[in-house]
N, C-alpha and C. Protein backbone atom coordinates (compact mmCIF):
# COMPACT_ATOMS: atom_id res chain seq x y z
N MET A 1 105.48 122.46 119.74
CA MET A 1 106.89 122.61 120.04
C MET A 1 107.70 122.37 118.77
N GLU A 2 108.56 123.30 118.43
CA GLU A 2 109.41 123.15 117.26
C GLU A 2 110.59 122.26 117.58
N MET A 3 111.04 121.51 116.58
CA MET A 3 112.18 120.63 116.71
C MET A 3 113.16 121.02 115.60
N HIS A 4 114.37 121.35 115.95
CA HIS A 4 115.35 121.74 114.95
C HIS A 4 116.60 120.88 115.05
N PHE A 5 117.13 120.56 113.88
CA PHE A 5 118.39 119.86 113.79
C PHE A 5 119.35 120.75 113.03
N SER A 6 120.61 120.56 113.27
CA SER A 6 121.63 121.34 112.57
C SER A 6 122.67 120.38 112.01
N ILE A 7 123.08 120.63 110.78
CA ILE A 7 124.09 119.83 110.11
C ILE A 7 125.25 120.74 109.75
N THR A 8 126.45 120.33 110.12
CA THR A 8 127.63 121.10 109.77
C THR A 8 127.82 121.03 108.26
N ALA A 9 127.94 122.18 107.63
CA ALA A 9 128.09 122.24 106.18
C ALA A 9 128.85 123.51 105.81
N ARG A 10 129.29 123.57 104.58
CA ARG A 10 129.94 124.78 104.08
C ARG A 10 129.04 125.43 103.05
N PRO A 11 128.86 126.69 103.00
CA PRO A 11 129.63 127.69 103.73
C PRO A 11 129.12 127.94 105.15
N GLU A 12 127.97 127.36 105.51
CA GLU A 12 127.47 127.53 106.88
C GLU A 12 126.60 126.34 107.25
N ALA A 13 126.38 126.16 108.53
CA ALA A 13 125.54 125.05 109.00
C ALA A 13 124.12 125.20 108.48
N VAL A 14 123.44 124.07 108.33
CA VAL A 14 122.06 124.06 107.87
C VAL A 14 121.19 123.59 109.02
N SER A 15 120.18 124.37 109.35
CA SER A 15 119.23 123.99 110.40
C SER A 15 117.87 123.76 109.77
N PHE A 16 117.14 122.77 110.32
CA PHE A 16 115.82 122.49 109.78
C PHE A 16 114.95 121.82 110.82
N ASP A 17 113.65 121.93 110.62
CA ASP A 17 112.65 121.26 111.43
C ASP A 17 112.21 120.04 110.62
N PRO A 18 112.51 118.81 111.06
CA PRO A 18 112.21 117.63 110.25
C PRO A 18 110.71 117.43 109.98
N ARG A 19 109.87 118.03 110.79
CA ARG A 19 108.43 117.91 110.55
C ARG A 19 107.98 118.79 109.40
N ARG A 20 108.84 119.71 108.99
CA ARG A 20 108.50 120.63 107.90
C ARG A 20 109.52 120.53 106.77
N THR A 21 110.14 119.37 106.63
CA THR A 21 111.24 119.21 105.69
C THR A 21 110.98 118.01 104.79
N ALA A 22 111.34 118.15 103.52
CA ALA A 22 111.28 117.03 102.57
C ALA A 22 112.58 117.00 101.79
N VAL A 23 112.96 115.81 101.37
CA VAL A 23 114.12 115.65 100.49
C VAL A 23 113.56 115.41 99.10
N ILE A 24 114.01 116.21 98.15
CA ILE A 24 113.53 116.12 96.77
C ILE A 24 114.69 115.75 95.86
N VAL A 25 114.53 114.69 95.10
CA VAL A 25 115.53 114.28 94.11
C VAL A 25 114.89 114.48 92.74
N ILE A 26 115.58 115.22 91.91
CA ILE A 26 115.02 115.58 90.59
C ILE A 26 115.84 114.94 89.47
N ASP A 27 115.13 114.32 88.53
CA ASP A 27 115.71 113.82 87.28
C ASP A 27 116.79 112.76 87.43
N MET A 28 116.64 111.86 88.37
CA MET A 28 117.57 110.73 88.46
C MET A 28 116.99 109.58 87.64
N GLN A 29 116.92 109.80 86.34
CA GLN A 29 116.34 108.82 85.43
C GLN A 29 117.42 108.00 84.75
N ASN A 30 117.06 106.79 84.36
CA ASN A 30 118.02 105.91 83.70
C ASN A 30 118.60 106.53 82.43
N ASP A 31 117.81 107.30 81.71
CA ASP A 31 118.32 107.93 80.48
C ASP A 31 119.52 108.82 80.74
N PHE A 32 119.56 109.44 81.89
CA PHE A 32 120.64 110.38 82.18
C PHE A 32 121.86 109.72 82.80
N GLY A 33 121.66 108.66 83.56
CA GLY A 33 122.78 108.13 84.32
C GLY A 33 123.09 106.66 84.14
N SER A 34 122.58 106.04 83.11
CA SER A 34 122.81 104.61 82.91
C SER A 34 123.55 104.34 81.61
N ARG A 35 124.35 103.30 81.63
CA ARG A 35 125.01 102.86 80.40
C ARG A 35 123.92 102.47 79.41
N GLY A 36 124.04 102.95 78.19
CA GLY A 36 123.05 102.69 77.15
C GLY A 36 121.93 103.70 77.13
N GLY A 37 121.91 104.61 78.10
CA GLY A 37 120.90 105.66 78.13
C GLY A 37 121.25 106.79 77.18
N MET A 38 120.38 107.78 77.10
CA MET A 38 120.52 108.89 76.16
C MET A 38 121.87 109.61 76.28
N PHE A 39 122.29 109.96 77.49
CA PHE A 39 123.55 110.69 77.65
C PHE A 39 124.73 109.81 77.22
N ASP A 40 124.72 108.55 77.63
CA ASP A 40 125.79 107.63 77.28
C ASP A 40 125.87 107.48 75.76
N LEU A 41 124.74 107.27 75.11
CA LEU A 41 124.72 107.10 73.66
C LEU A 41 125.14 108.37 72.92
N ALA A 42 124.94 109.52 73.56
CA ALA A 42 125.35 110.79 72.95
C ALA A 42 126.83 111.08 73.18
N GLY A 43 127.51 110.18 73.89
CA GLY A 43 128.95 110.36 74.13
C GLY A 43 129.28 111.21 75.34
N ILE A 44 128.29 111.51 76.15
CA ILE A 44 128.52 112.31 77.35
C ILE A 44 129.03 111.38 78.46
N ASP A 45 130.07 111.79 79.15
CA ASP A 45 130.65 111.00 80.24
C ASP A 45 129.66 110.95 81.40
N ILE A 46 129.16 109.77 81.66
CA ILE A 46 128.19 109.64 82.76
C ILE A 46 128.83 109.15 84.05
N ALA A 47 130.15 108.99 84.07
CA ALA A 47 130.84 108.53 85.28
C ALA A 47 130.52 109.40 86.50
N PRO A 48 130.51 110.74 86.35
CA PRO A 48 130.17 111.56 87.54
C PRO A 48 128.75 111.28 88.06
N ILE A 49 127.83 111.03 87.15
CA ILE A 49 126.45 110.72 87.56
C ILE A 49 126.43 109.37 88.27
N GLU A 50 127.13 108.39 87.71
CA GLU A 50 127.17 107.06 88.32
C GLU A 50 127.72 107.11 89.74
N ARG A 51 128.72 107.95 89.97
CA ARG A 51 129.31 108.05 91.31
C ARG A 51 128.34 108.68 92.32
N LEU A 52 127.40 109.47 91.85
CA LEU A 52 126.44 110.12 92.75
C LEU A 52 125.32 109.21 93.20
N VAL A 53 124.97 108.23 92.39
CA VAL A 53 123.80 107.40 92.68
C VAL A 53 123.88 106.72 94.06
N PRO A 54 124.98 106.06 94.43
CA PRO A 54 125.03 105.45 95.78
C PRO A 54 124.95 106.49 96.90
N ARG A 55 125.51 107.65 96.67
CA ARG A 55 125.45 108.72 97.69
C ARG A 55 124.02 109.21 97.87
N ILE A 56 123.34 109.42 96.75
CA ILE A 56 121.94 109.86 96.82
C ILE A 56 121.09 108.79 97.51
N SER A 57 121.37 107.54 97.21
CA SER A 57 120.64 106.44 97.84
C SER A 57 120.83 106.44 99.35
N ARG A 58 122.05 106.68 99.81
CA ARG A 58 122.31 106.74 101.26
C ARG A 58 121.57 107.91 101.91
N VAL A 59 121.55 109.05 101.24
CA VAL A 59 120.83 110.21 101.76
C VAL A 59 119.34 109.88 101.89
N LEU A 60 118.77 109.26 100.86
CA LEU A 60 117.35 108.92 100.89
C LEU A 60 117.05 107.88 101.98
N ASP A 61 117.91 106.88 102.13
CA ASP A 61 117.71 105.89 103.20
C ASP A 61 117.74 106.56 104.57
N ALA A 62 118.70 107.45 104.78
CA ALA A 62 118.81 108.15 106.06
C ALA A 62 117.60 109.04 106.30
N ALA A 63 117.15 109.73 105.26
CA ALA A 63 115.99 110.61 105.38
C ALA A 63 114.74 109.80 105.75
N ARG A 64 114.54 108.70 105.07
CA ARG A 64 113.37 107.85 105.38
C ARG A 64 113.45 107.31 106.81
N SER A 65 114.65 106.88 107.20
CA SER A 65 114.82 106.35 108.57
C SER A 65 114.54 107.41 109.62
N ALA A 66 114.82 108.66 109.29
CA ALA A 66 114.58 109.76 110.22
C ALA A 66 113.14 110.26 110.16
N GLY A 67 112.33 109.68 109.27
CA GLY A 67 110.94 110.08 109.18
C GLY A 67 110.67 111.27 108.28
N LEU A 68 111.68 111.67 107.49
CA LEU A 68 111.47 112.79 106.57
C LEU A 68 110.69 112.33 105.35
N VAL A 69 109.99 113.24 104.73
CA VAL A 69 109.29 112.97 103.49
C VAL A 69 110.30 112.96 102.36
N VAL A 70 110.20 111.97 101.48
CA VAL A 70 111.06 111.89 100.29
C VAL A 70 110.16 112.00 99.08
N VAL A 71 110.51 112.97 98.21
CA VAL A 71 109.72 113.21 96.99
C VAL A 71 110.57 112.86 95.81
């Protein structure tokens, strides 16, 4: 039996089967998003990256709680 969930999103809703779904986070390394890391030392504004970290953490916590695979 297939199980589907739908999330309201723009430009359209996203539907998925949680048994066949994984959340993948790519390149959230300290060098890119931490004070004193490579981007910061190169003078790149890392404030936008810093603001994303708590949001990504909440998504991963919710995914794990729902039984989704996190990569």
